Protein backbone atom coordinates (compact mmCIF):
# COMPACT_ATOMS: atom_id res chain seq x y z
CA MET A 1 76.16 150.67 117.14
CA PRO A 2 73.10 152.93 116.95
CA PRO A 3 69.99 151.62 115.65
CA ALA A 4 69.78 154.26 113.08
CA SER A 5 72.34 152.88 110.87
CA THR A 6 70.85 149.35 110.71
CA GLY A 7 67.09 149.89 109.19
CA ALA A 8 66.02 148.91 112.72
CA SER A 9 63.27 151.49 112.49
CA THR A 10 61.61 149.48 109.79
CA LEU A 11 60.39 147.05 112.33
CA THR A 12 56.80 148.15 112.55
CA VAL A 13 55.06 144.76 113.47
CA ALA A 14 54.24 143.55 116.94
CA ALA A 15 53.43 139.70 118.18
CA SER A 16 49.93 141.26 118.95
CA PRO A 17 47.48 143.84 118.25
CA GLN A 18 48.18 145.76 121.26
CA PRO A 19 51.91 145.91 121.76
CA SER A 20 53.49 146.72 125.04
CA PRO A 21 54.45 150.52 124.98
CA VAL A 22 58.10 151.09 123.86
CA ALA A 23 60.30 153.57 125.37
CA THR A 24 62.90 155.10 123.41
CA ALA A 25 65.46 158.32 123.95
CA ASP A 26 63.01 160.52 122.25
CA SER A 27 59.61 159.16 123.01
CA PRO A 28 57.63 160.89 125.54
CA ALA A 29 56.84 157.19 127.32
CA SER A 30 60.80 157.58 127.88
CA THR A 31 60.46 160.52 130.34
CA ALA A 32 57.31 159.09 132.25
CA PRO A 33 57.53 159.92 135.82
CA ASP A 34 56.95 156.26 136.88
CA ARG A 35 59.71 154.76 134.81
CA LEU A 36 62.43 153.20 136.97
CA GLU A 37 65.92 154.68 137.20
CA PRO A 38 68.51 154.62 139.84
CA GLY A 39 67.59 156.39 142.62
CA ARG A 40 63.63 156.36 141.87
CA PRO A 41 61.53 154.07 144.18
CA GLY A 42 61.27 150.49 142.91
CA TYR A 43 64.56 150.51 140.76
CA ARG A 44 66.46 148.84 143.85
CA ARG A 45 63.72 146.34 144.30
CA MET A 46 63.49 145.59 140.94
CA SER A 47 67.30 145.09 140.37
CA PHE A 48 67.36 143.05 143.40
CA ALA A 49 64.84 140.68 142.34
CA LEU A 50 65.92 140.32 138.68
CA PHE A 51 69.50 139.67 140.25
CA ALA A 52 67.88 136.86 142.22
CA ALA A 53 66.13 135.58 138.94
CA GLY A 54 69.50 135.78 137.54
CA VAL A 55 71.43 133.86 140.25
CA ALA A 56 68.54 130.71 140.01
CA THR A 57 68.63 130.87 136.21
CA PHE A 58 72.41 130.16 136.07
CA ALA A 59 72.96 128.15 139.06
CA LEU A 60 69.86 125.78 137.95
CA LEU A 61 70.84 125.71 134.14
CA TYR A 62 74.42 124.90 134.67
CA SER A 63 74.15 123.13 137.94
CA THR A 64 75.90 119.81 136.28
CA GLN A 65 78.71 121.55 134.78
CA ALA A 66 81.23 121.40 137.43
CA LEU A 67 79.97 117.99 138.40
CA LEU A 68 80.79 116.31 134.86
CA PRO A 69 83.75 114.22 136.12
CA ALA A 70 81.89 113.05 138.86
CA VAL A 71 79.02 112.34 136.76
CA SER A 72 80.93 110.45 134.01
CA ALA A 73 82.81 108.39 136.83
CA SER A 74 79.44 107.61 138.87
CA LEU A 75 77.47 106.77 135.71
CA GLY A 76 80.07 105.22 133.22
CA ALA A 77 79.93 108.19 130.90
CA THR A 78 82.65 109.61 128.61
CA ALA A 79 83.08 113.62 128.83
CA GLY A 80 80.85 114.08 125.57
CA GLN A 81 78.12 112.06 126.83
CA ALA A 82 78.09 113.69 130.30
CA SER A 83 78.21 117.06 128.75
CA TRP A 84 74.52 116.39 127.36
CA THR A 85 73.35 116.88 130.79
CA VAL A 86 74.46 120.70 129.96
CA SER A 87 73.50 120.83 126.62
CA ALA A 88 70.19 119.25 126.80
CA ALA A 89 69.36 122.20 129.35
CA THR A 90 70.67 124.93 127.14
CA GLY A 91 69.23 123.36 124.02
CA ALA A 92 65.87 122.94 125.52
CA LEU A 93 65.96 126.61 126.42
CA ALA A 94 66.87 127.61 123.02
CA LEU A 95 64.18 126.10 121.31
CA CYS A 96 61.28 127.07 124.02
CA VAL A 97 62.25 130.57 124.50
CA LEU A 98 61.00 132.11 121.38
CA PRO A 99 57.22 130.77 122.18
CA MET A 100 57.39 131.46 125.93
CA SER A 101 58.14 135.10 124.90
CA ALA A 102 55.14 134.84 122.62
CA LEU A 103 52.95 133.86 125.95
CA SER A 104 54.72 136.87 127.78
CA GLU A 105 53.08 139.00 125.51
CA ARG A 106 49.61 137.74 126.15
CA PHE A 107 50.08 137.01 130.19
CA GLY A 108 52.63 139.65 131.12
CA ARG A 109 56.27 139.53 131.89
CA ARG A 110 56.29 139.31 135.39
CA GLN A 111 53.70 136.40 135.39
CA MET A 112 55.95 134.53 132.98
CA MET A 113 59.13 134.88 134.76
CA THR A 114 57.25 133.91 137.98
CA ALA A 115 55.96 130.82 136.49
CA SER A 116 59.18 129.66 134.86
CA LEU A 117 61.12 129.96 138.02
CA THR A 118 58.72 128.12 139.88
CA VAL A 119 58.51 125.10 137.60
CA ALA A 120 62.26 125.14 137.15
CA VAL A 121 62.93 125.10 140.85
CA LEU A 122 60.39 122.07 140.95
CA VAL A 123 62.23 120.18 138.63
CA GLY A 124 65.66 120.88 140.07
CA LEU A 125 64.18 119.35 143.34
CA LEU A 126 63.76 116.12 141.43
CA VAL A 127 66.74 116.17 139.40
CA PRO A 128 69.03 114.72 142.22
CA PHE A 129 66.91 111.57 142.01
CA ALA A 130 67.49 110.55 138.74
CA PRO A 131 68.02 106.83 138.39
CA SER A 132 70.36 107.03 135.06
CA LEU A 133 72.15 109.05 132.59
CA GLY A 134 69.17 109.19 130.03
CA TRP A 135 66.72 110.20 133.19
CA LEU A 136 68.92 112.93 134.32
CA ILE A 137 69.61 114.06 130.64
CA ALA A 138 65.61 114.24 130.21
CA LEU A 139 65.18 116.00 133.43
CA ARG A 140 67.52 118.79 132.47
CA ALA A 141 65.92 119.12 129.09
CA VAL A 142 62.53 119.85 131.14
CA GLN A 143 64.34 122.32 133.30
CA GLY A 144 65.84 124.34 130.28
CA ALA A 145 62.42 124.39 128.67
CA ALA A 146 61.10 125.57 131.99
CA LEU A 147 63.77 128.27 132.37
CA ALA A 148 63.05 129.97 128.81
CA GLY A 149 60.38 132.14 130.03
CA LEU A 150 62.52 133.92 132.07
CA PRO A 151 65.47 135.47 130.13
CA ALA A 152 63.55 136.96 127.49
CA SER A 153 60.95 137.95 129.46
CA ALA A 154 63.30 139.73 131.75
CA MET A 155 64.87 141.70 128.85
CA ALA A 156 61.37 142.92 127.66
CA TYR A 157 60.43 143.86 131.25
CA LEU A 158 63.50 145.93 131.65
CA ALA A 159 63.32 147.71 128.33
CA GLU A 160 59.58 148.63 129.02
CA GLU A 161 59.94 149.60 132.66
CA VAL A 162 63.40 151.38 132.73
CA ARG A 163 64.31 154.53 131.48
CA PRO A 164 66.32 154.16 128.19
CA LYS A 165 69.51 155.91 129.63
CA ALA A 166 69.71 153.39 132.46
CA LEU A 167 68.83 150.31 130.46
CA VAL A 168 72.33 148.89 129.73
CA ALA A 169 73.25 149.12 133.40
CA ALA A 170 69.92 147.65 134.49
CA ILE A 171 70.84 144.70 131.91
CA GLY A 172 74.26 144.46 133.49
CA LEU A 173 72.91 143.98 136.79
CA PHE A 174 70.47 141.05 135.56
CA VAL A 175 73.73 139.46 133.77
CA ALA A 176 75.66 140.13 137.00
CA GLY A 177 73.08 138.04 138.78
CA ASN A 178 73.83 135.21 135.96
CA SER A 179 77.43 135.34 136.72
CA ILE A 180 76.96 134.94 140.51
CA GLY A 181 74.33 132.19 140.00
CA GLY A 182 77.10 130.46 137.51
CA MET A 183 79.74 130.75 140.14
CA SER A 184 77.56 130.16 143.32
CA GLY A 185 76.22 127.07 142.06
CA ARG A 186 79.53 125.83 140.75
CA ILE A 187 81.48 126.21 143.76
CA LEU A 188 78.43 125.02 145.86
CA THR A 189 78.00 121.66 143.84
CA GLY A 190 82.03 121.07 143.89
CA TRP A 191 82.26 121.18 147.78
CA VAL A 192 79.17 119.15 148.43
CA ALA A 193 80.07 116.65 145.81
CA GLN A 194 83.47 116.30 147.27
CA LEU A 195 81.68 115.51 150.71
CA TRP A 196 78.46 113.70 149.83
CA GLY A 197 78.71 113.00 146.04
CA TRP A 198 77.24 114.58 143.18
CA ARG A 199 73.54 113.99 143.75
CA ALA A 200 73.44 115.93 146.81
CA ALA A 201 75.04 118.66 145.48
CA LEU A 202 72.27 119.26 142.55
CA GLY A 203 70.06 119.01 145.61
CA ALA A 204 71.76 121.91 147.22
CA VAL A 205 71.48 123.96 144.03
CA GLY A 206 67.65 123.25 144.02
CA LEU A 207 67.52 124.54 147.60
CA LEU A 208 69.71 127.70 146.57
CA ALA A 209 67.14 128.19 143.82
CA VAL A 210 64.10 127.77 145.80
CA ALA A 211 65.39 130.64 147.92
CA CYS A 212 65.97 132.90 145.03
CA ALA A 213 62.69 132.40 143.78
CA VAL A 214 61.02 133.37 146.99
CA VAL A 215 63.02 136.65 147.04
CA PHE A 216 62.14 137.37 143.22
CA HIS A 217 58.30 136.84 144.01
CA PHE A 218 58.02 139.17 146.72
CA MET A 219 60.52 141.78 145.64
CA ILE A 220 59.62 142.21 141.70
CA PRO A 221 57.42 145.20 141.18
CA ARG A 222 54.33 144.92 138.94
CA ALA A 223 54.51 145.96 135.46
CA ARG A 224 53.31 149.52 134.23
CA HIS A 225 53.91 149.74 130.88
CA PHE A 226 52.94 146.49 129.59
CA THR A 227 49.75 145.90 127.29
CA PRO A 228 48.68 142.59 126.72
CA GLY A 229 47.47 141.30 123.77
CA SER A 230 46.19 138.14 121.82
CA LEU A 231 48.22 135.19 120.80
CA ASN A 232 48.43 135.65 117.16
CA PRO A 233 50.86 133.00 115.22
CA LYS A 234 50.86 134.90 112.08
CA ALA A 235 51.79 138.43 114.00
CA LEU A 236 54.30 136.36 115.74
CA ALA A 237 55.74 134.81 112.70
CA LYS A 238 55.54 138.36 111.01
CA THR A 239 57.56 140.13 113.94
CA VAL A 240 60.28 137.25 114.06
CA GLY A 241 61.03 137.71 110.27
CA GLY A 242 61.01 141.38 110.74
CA HIS A 243 63.57 141.18 113.36
CA LEU A 244 65.65 138.33 111.37
CA ALA A 245 65.44 140.64 108.07
CA ASP A 246 67.47 143.53 110.22
CA PRO A 247 71.00 143.40 109.25
CA LEU A 248 72.13 144.66 112.81
CA LEU A 249 69.91 142.19 114.94
CA ARG A 250 71.25 139.16 112.93
CA ARG A 251 74.99 140.26 114.01
CA LEU A 252 74.14 140.62 117.35
CA TYR A 253 72.54 137.53 117.47
CA ALA A 254 75.47 135.50 116.01
CA ILE A 255 77.87 137.74 118.45
CA GLY A 256 76.11 136.31 121.40
CA ALA A 257 75.92 132.64 119.89
CA LEU A 258 79.72 132.83 119.17
CA PHE A 259 80.82 134.40 122.48
CA MET A 260 78.54 131.67 124.06
CA THR A 261 80.38 129.06 122.10
CA VAL A 262 83.85 130.31 123.58
CA PHE A 263 82.29 130.00 127.32
CA GLY A 264 80.36 126.93 127.24
CA ALA A 265 83.45 125.00 125.78
CA VAL A 266 85.66 126.34 128.17
CA TYR A 267 83.70 125.76 131.40
CA THR A 268 82.19 122.41 130.18
CA VAL A 269 85.63 121.02 129.76
CA ILE A 270 87.89 122.89 132.52
CA GLY A 271 86.97 120.48 135.17
CA TYR A 272 88.14 117.49 133.02
CA ARG A 273 91.55 119.08 132.63
CA LEU A 274 92.17 120.47 136.32
CA VAL A 275 91.54 116.98 137.97
CA GLU A 276 93.98 115.34 135.76
CA ALA A 277 97.72 115.73 135.33
CA PRO A 278 99.60 117.93 135.77
CA PHE A 279 96.94 119.57 137.93
CA ASN A 280 95.21 116.65 139.82
CA LEU A 281 93.10 118.96 141.61
CA PRO A 282 90.19 117.65 143.91
CA GLN A 283 86.73 118.29 143.14
CA GLY A 284 86.00 120.75 145.89
CA VAL A 285 88.86 122.93 144.53
CA VAL A 286 87.86 122.63 140.97
CA GLY A 287 84.36 124.24 142.01
CA SER A 288 86.02 126.88 143.58
CA ILE A 289 87.82 127.71 140.59
CA PHE A 290 84.28 129.37 139.59
CA LEU A 291 85.28 132.12 141.70
CA VAL A 292 86.29 133.81 138.70
CA TYR A 293 82.76 134.40 137.79
CA LEU A 294 83.23 137.50 140.40
CA VAL A 295 84.94 138.94 137.43
CA GLY A 296 82.23 138.61 134.93
CA THR A 297 79.70 140.34 137.61
CA VAL A 298 82.02 143.17 137.34
CA SER A 299 82.88 143.63 133.58
CA SER A 300 78.74 142.96 132.94
CA ALA A 301 77.93 145.48 135.49
CA ALA A 302 80.49 147.94 134.09
CA ALA A 303 79.07 147.37 130.19
CA GLY A 304 77.31 150.63 130.47
CA ARG A 305 80.45 152.85 131.13
CA LEU A 306 82.55 150.69 128.66
CA VAL A 307 79.85 151.86 125.93
CA ALA A 308 79.69 155.46 127.02
CA ARG A 309 83.57 155.62 126.78
CA LEU A 310 84.38 153.29 123.84
CA GLY A 311 81.04 152.99 122.02
CA ARG A 312 79.04 149.73 121.38
CA ARG A 313 81.78 148.57 118.70
CA GLY A 314 84.73 149.55 120.54
CA ALA A 315 83.22 147.88 123.76
CA LEU A 316 82.88 144.46 121.60
CA TYR A 317 86.43 144.96 120.36
CA LEU A 318 87.64 145.20 124.00
CA ALA A 319 85.87 141.98 125.27
CA VAL A 320 86.71 139.84 122.04
CA SER A 321 90.33 140.81 122.47
CA THR A 322 90.32 140.12 126.28
CA THR A 323 88.69 136.70 125.51
CA ALA A 324 91.29 135.51 123.00
CA ALA A 325 94.20 136.57 125.23
CA GLY A 326 92.74 134.46 127.87
CA LEU A 327 92.47 131.63 125.64
CA LEU A 328 95.95 131.64 124.53
CA LEU A 329 97.08 132.23 128.23
CA SER A 330 95.36 129.34 129.55
CA LEU A 331 97.27 126.94 127.35
CA ALA A 332 100.20 127.20 129.63
CA ASP A 333 100.65 123.95 132.17
CA GLN A 334 100.96 126.45 135.17
CA LEU A 335 98.11 126.89 137.25
CA ALA A 336 98.28 130.32 137.87
CA ALA A 337 98.53 130.95 134.10
CA VAL A 338 95.45 128.88 133.59
CA LEU A 339 93.43 130.97 136.16
CA LEU A 340 94.29 134.07 134.88
CA GLY A 341 93.32 132.98 131.49
CA LEU A 342 89.81 132.07 133.13
CA VAL A 343 89.48 135.40 134.44
CA LEU A 344 90.31 137.03 131.10
CA ILE A 345 87.76 134.69 129.26
CA THR A 346 85.14 135.28 131.97
CA ALA A 347 85.61 139.13 131.86
CA GLY A 348 85.61 139.40 127.94
CA PHE A 349 82.51 137.07 127.43
CA PHE A 350 80.31 138.74 130.36
CA ALA A 351 81.27 142.29 128.99
CA GLY A 352 80.30 141.18 125.38
CA HIS A 353 77.16 139.58 126.41
CA ALA A 354 75.91 142.52 128.29
CA VAL A 355 76.95 144.97 125.55
CA ALA A 356 75.18 142.59 122.87
CA SER A 357 72.06 141.75 124.60
CA SER A 358 71.58 145.67 125.59
CA SER A 359 71.86 146.28 121.81
CA VAL A 360 69.20 144.01 120.79
CA SER A 361 66.56 145.56 123.33
CA ARG A 362 67.80 148.98 122.07
CA THR A 363 67.47 148.15 118.54
CA ALA A 364 64.02 146.55 118.24
CA THR A 365 61.68 149.42 118.45
CA LYS A 366 58.65 146.83 118.58
CA GLY A 367 58.29 143.18 119.43
CA ARG A 368 60.93 143.52 122.10
CA ALA A 369 60.28 140.25 123.56
CA GLN A 370 60.76 138.50 120.34
CA ALA A 371 63.77 140.52 119.66
CA SER A 372 65.05 139.34 123.29
CA ALA A 373 63.77 135.67 122.74
CA LEU A 374 65.75 135.22 119.12
CA TYR A 375 68.95 136.67 121.32
CA GLN A 376 68.64 134.25 123.93
CA SER A 377 68.04 131.32 121.33
CA ALA A 378 71.11 131.96 119.48
CA TYR A 379 73.04 132.48 122.97
CA TYR A 380 71.86 129.13 124.09
CA VAL A 381 72.45 127.29 120.95
CA GLY A 382 75.81 128.69 121.05
CA SER A 383 76.04 127.32 124.74
CA SER A 384 74.92 123.91 123.75
CA ALA A 385 77.30 123.94 120.54
CA GLY A 386 80.09 124.92 122.76
CA GLY A 387 79.60 122.15 125.53
CA THR A 388 79.15 119.48 123.05
CA LEU A 389 81.80 120.68 120.58
CA GLY A 390 84.26 121.61 123.34
CA ALA A 391 84.09 118.22 124.84
CA VAL A 392 84.49 116.50 121.62
CA ALA A 393 87.37 118.61 120.73
CA PHE A 394 88.98 117.92 124.21
CA HIS A 395 88.71 114.30 123.41
CA ALA A 396 90.25 114.71 119.98
CA GLY A 397 93.16 117.12 121.06
CA GLY A 398 93.11 117.87 124.60
CA TRP A 399 92.99 121.47 126.11
CA ALA A 400 94.53 122.67 122.75
CA GLY A 401 91.64 121.14 120.77
CA THR A 402 89.25 123.22 123.11
CA VAL A 403 90.97 126.31 122.93
CA SER A 404 91.27 126.18 119.09
CA LEU A 405 87.45 125.93 118.96
CA GLY A 406 87.36 128.88 121.18
CA LEU A 407 89.53 131.26 119.05
CA PHE A 408 87.66 130.29 115.98
CA ALA A 409 84.37 131.71 117.76
CA VAL A 410 86.55 134.50 118.61
CA LEU A 411 87.57 135.29 114.80
CA GLY A 412 83.76 135.10 113.99
CA VAL A 413 82.92 137.66 116.25
CA VAL A 414 85.65 139.90 115.06
CA SER A 415 84.71 139.34 111.62
CA ILE A 416 81.12 140.16 112.34
CA THR A 417 81.89 143.28 114.15
CA LEU A 418 84.24 144.35 111.39
CA TYR A 419 81.72 144.04 108.88
CA GLY A 420 79.41 146.00 110.77
CA THR A 421 81.84 148.78 111.22
CA ARG A 422 82.16 148.98 107.55
CA ALA A 423 78.46 148.60 106.66
CA ALA A 424 77.88 151.79 109.01
CA ARG A 425 80.53 153.90 107.32
CA ALA A 426 79.36 152.91 103.90
CA GLU A 427 75.77 154.08 105.25
CA ARG A 428 77.01 157.21 106.24
CA ARG A 429 78.73 158.11 103.28
CA ARG A 430 75.93 157.09 101.14
CA LEU A 431 73.72 159.55 103.23
CA VAL A 432 76.07 162.74 103.05
CA PRO A 433 75.46 163.51 99.37
CA VAL A 434 71.35 163.46 100.11
CA VAL A 435 72.27 165.73 102.88
CA SER A 436 74.30 168.09 100.83
CA VAL A 437 71.78 168.05 97.83
CA GLN A 438 68.67 168.72 100.61
CA ASN A 439 70.72 171.67 101.92
């Protein structure tokens, strides 16, 4: 999905009078000697720091997801009510990610990521002491709002500091950190909850996030290609409007939201399914099911190679086909089939997410923090919708209801990608006569 076919070059406004330098494949900045790439000083530190930030982000954001059956039992909540402990965090992140990205234009990507992670970790240490479901949901919403400053700022930081040819791989490593965080947080909470209860499990996640925050603080390299600008609401609105006017960016935002709808629905509900008949698994074993996140680590890190081999649309088609196959396979009542289905769903989701998010950073030539923020906002709206609607569908129709919701979202991704392919072909056919006349 090359930017040239989408009109992305028409995005000429930024959120501030002095936008951060933007590297493109043909710009002098892209060949600057101090830009990060594999083998150059600072790249490994940057990768490790953002990997740690990704671990903390997903561990905190989804800390209650594997605990939902225990939360329901302890606080007398239905699956739909308990699911709000996840949806409130992701929904608050979706609402706050754009204004947080605007602050990063003024105060810097590194500073915004550090502040966001610090506040989220502090709130995470308070979450285990929530006296009721209402307080738990409120604290999780605050935590999600605090985390909003990290994802979009991280994407913009990578776009500015990493050479374009290494960008997909670098973003893939950040997304891989997300998958490790999601996996480790759920496994940790599952076993701790089985031994000492769900409150102790949330405390353990908070301590894990503290360790990740310390690693991030000491490892992240300073930004070399960021120029601060003033906070200008009109310029911000103009930049956002420009991004939303771009057809490819709109499609990418929708794809991110739909992929995350599937993922949010599946992983919010899977715990309820596995603790019930015919599986009857204990909480610790249910938490260990999230080891399949390792597949997401591999698939997201391999996104760059998939794009090089199949192209961006080809990689998306492969990701969505893998996700759909996993959904259908998970309908079986055999545990092995369900686990294999989760493996395929996870692999397809993380590959699709890495391709779509890196395409946003590549397409937006200016106001990249806002472009990434809009993607993150759509992505987490999808997570909130998937978690809540998945729980409602499970209550109404069992696991088959949740799978039906997922397949509907998958069909949306396929439709959008097919439309983009046809639009690009039509644009090429339109340009061919012009080139012929000029020759």
